[in-house]
Structures are given as structure tokens and as C-alpha cells.
Amino acid sequence: MPKMKTNRAAAKRFRKTGTGRVRRSKCGLRHGMISKNRKQRRRLRKAVTVHDHQEKRIKKLLPYG
């Protein structure tokens, strides 16, 4: 059986935590920072965990870990 290839698009967007959950960064932090307030920009910096119904599909794309 050959090794399963990692989906490179998913590897750039998601990463696994130590407990096996999948984390992603929030959108909306690329441009247009002047129109967003400081509190909103600070919240966008933090990564969040992926929803449960999407986590199983993403883990198939990331065979490592």
C-alpha cells in the first residue's frame, strides 16, 4: 500500500493540535485594517478550532500526526 499524500492546500490552511483537534486562522486580516476597530483586529489574530462536522473531512487531507 503506498503512502497517502498530504493535500498541500489543506496543509497551508490547517494544523493539528497536540490533542488531535484541527485549528485554522480567521479570515478578514489581509487588507482593510483601517476600517476595523482595534478589538476586532485583535480577535482576528487568534486561531480557532474547526467545527466538529468539518474536522473529520480535514483530517483525511492531513494524514500526518
C-alpha atoms as a PDB file:
ATOM      1  CA  MET A   1       0.000   0.000   0.000  1.00  0.00           C
ATOM      2  CA  PRO A   2       1.559   3.343  -0.983  1.00  0.00           C
ATOM      3  CA  LYS A   3       1.810   6.245   1.420  1.00  0.00           C
ATOM      4  CA  MET A   4      -1.087   8.705   1.435  1.00  0.00           C
ATOM      5  CA  LYS A   5      -0.138  12.128   0.085  1.00  0.00           C
ATOM      6  CA  THR A   6      -0.819  15.247   2.120  1.00  0.00           C
ATOM      7  CA  ASN A   7      -3.148  17.731   0.481  1.00  0.00           C
ATOM      8  CA  ARG A   8      -0.859  20.757   0.236  1.00  0.00           C
ATOM      9  CA  ALA A   9      -3.721  23.287   0.099  1.00  0.00           C
ATOM     10  CA  ALA A  10      -5.100  21.937   3.389  1.00  0.00           C
ATOM     11  CA  ALA A  11      -1.641  21.779   4.979  1.00  0.00           C
ATOM     12  CA  LYS A  12      -1.192  25.519   4.399  1.00  0.00           C
ATOM     13  CA  ARG A  13      -4.553  26.361   5.998  1.00  0.00           C
ATOM     14  CA  PHE A  14      -4.908  23.921   8.889  1.00  0.00           C
ATOM     15  CA  ARG A  15      -2.716  22.404  11.585  1.00  0.00           C
ATOM     16  CA  LYS A  16      -3.316  19.758  14.206  1.00  0.00           C
ATOM     17  CA  THR A  17      -3.053  20.426  17.932  1.00  0.00           C
ATOM     18  CA  GLY A  18      -1.441  18.138  20.479  1.00  0.00           C
ATOM     19  CA  THR A  19      -4.822  16.628  21.359  1.00  0.00           C
ATOM     20  CA  GLY A  20      -5.647  15.934  17.698  1.00  0.00           C
ATOM     21  CA  ARG A  21      -8.057  18.785  17.062  1.00  0.00           C
ATOM     22  CA  VAL A  22      -7.717  20.897  13.901  1.00  0.00           C
ATOM     23  CA  ARG A  23      -7.004  24.628  14.122  1.00  0.00           C
ATOM     24  CA  ARG A  24      -7.496  27.308  11.496  1.00  0.00           C
ATOM     25  CA  SER A  25      -6.844  31.039  11.273  1.00  0.00           C
ATOM     26  CA  LYS A  26      -9.688  33.523  10.892  1.00  0.00           C
ATOM     27  CA  CYS A  27     -10.422  35.389   7.686  1.00  0.00           C
ATOM     28  CA  GLY A  28     -10.543  39.140   7.224  1.00  0.00           C
ATOM     29  CA  LEU A  29      -6.982  40.064   8.190  1.00  0.00           C
ATOM     30  CA  ARG A  30      -5.447  40.598   4.747  1.00  0.00           C
ATOM     31  CA  HIS A  31      -6.387  44.209   3.990  1.00  0.00           C
ATOM     32  CA  GLY A  32      -8.773  46.959   5.058  1.00  0.00           C
ATOM     33  CA  MET A  33      -7.460  47.212   8.617  1.00  0.00           C
ATOM     34  CA  ILE A  34      -8.235  50.928   8.915  1.00  0.00           C
ATOM     35  CA  SER A  35     -11.983  50.339   8.772  1.00  0.00           C
ATOM     36  CA  LYS A  36     -11.839  47.655  11.502  1.00  0.00           C
ATOM     37  CA  ASN A  37     -11.530  48.663  15.127  1.00  0.00           C
ATOM     38  CA  ARG A  38      -8.661  47.512  17.356  1.00  0.00           C
ATOM     39  CA  LYS A  39     -10.756  44.984  19.270  1.00  0.00           C
ATOM     40  CA  GLN A  40     -11.855  43.321  16.037  1.00  0.00           C
ATOM     41  CA  ARG A  41      -8.279  43.139  14.694  1.00  0.00           C
ATOM     42  CA  ARG A  42      -7.072  41.596  17.942  1.00  0.00           C
ATOM     43  CA  ARG A  43      -9.760  38.893  17.807  1.00  0.00           C
ATOM     44  CA  LEU A  44      -8.914  38.057  14.193  1.00  0.00           C
ATOM     45  CA  ARG A  45      -5.297  37.295  15.146  1.00  0.00           C
ATOM     46  CA  LYS A  46      -6.228  34.290  17.265  1.00  0.00           C
ATOM     47  CA  ALA A  47      -6.670  30.849  15.731  1.00  0.00           C
ATOM     48  CA  VAL A  48      -9.829  28.821  16.382  1.00  0.00           C
ATOM     49  CA  THR A  49     -10.701  25.134  16.213  1.00  0.00           C
ATOM     50  CA  VAL A  50     -12.601  23.783  13.234  1.00  0.00           C
ATOM     51  CA  HIS A  51     -16.231  22.714  13.719  1.00  0.00           C
ATOM     52  CA  ASP A  52     -16.826  19.052  14.517  1.00  0.00           C
ATOM     53  CA  HIS A  53     -18.676  18.273  11.282  1.00  0.00           C
ATOM     54  CA  GLN A  54     -15.755  19.567   9.187  1.00  0.00           C
ATOM     55  CA  GLU A  55     -12.946  18.134  11.302  1.00  0.00           C
ATOM     56  CA  LYS A  56     -13.277  14.559  10.037  1.00  0.00           C
ATOM     57  CA  ARG A  57     -13.014  15.652   6.396  1.00  0.00           C
ATOM     58  CA  ILE A  58      -9.974  17.830   7.047  1.00  0.00           C
ATOM     59  CA  LYS A  59      -8.173  15.068   8.957  1.00  0.00           C
ATOM     60  CA  LYS A  60      -8.367  12.880   5.853  1.00  0.00           C
ATOM     61  CA  LEU A  61      -6.472  15.570   3.935  1.00  0.00           C
ATOM     62  CA  LEU A  62      -3.803  15.742   6.667  1.00  0.00           C
ATOM     63  CA  PRO A  63      -2.568  12.177   7.184  1.00  0.00           C
ATOM     64  CA  TYR A  64       0.375  13.182   9.419  1.00  0.00           C
ATOM     65  CA  GLY A  65       0.128  13.259  13.202  1.00  0.00           C
END
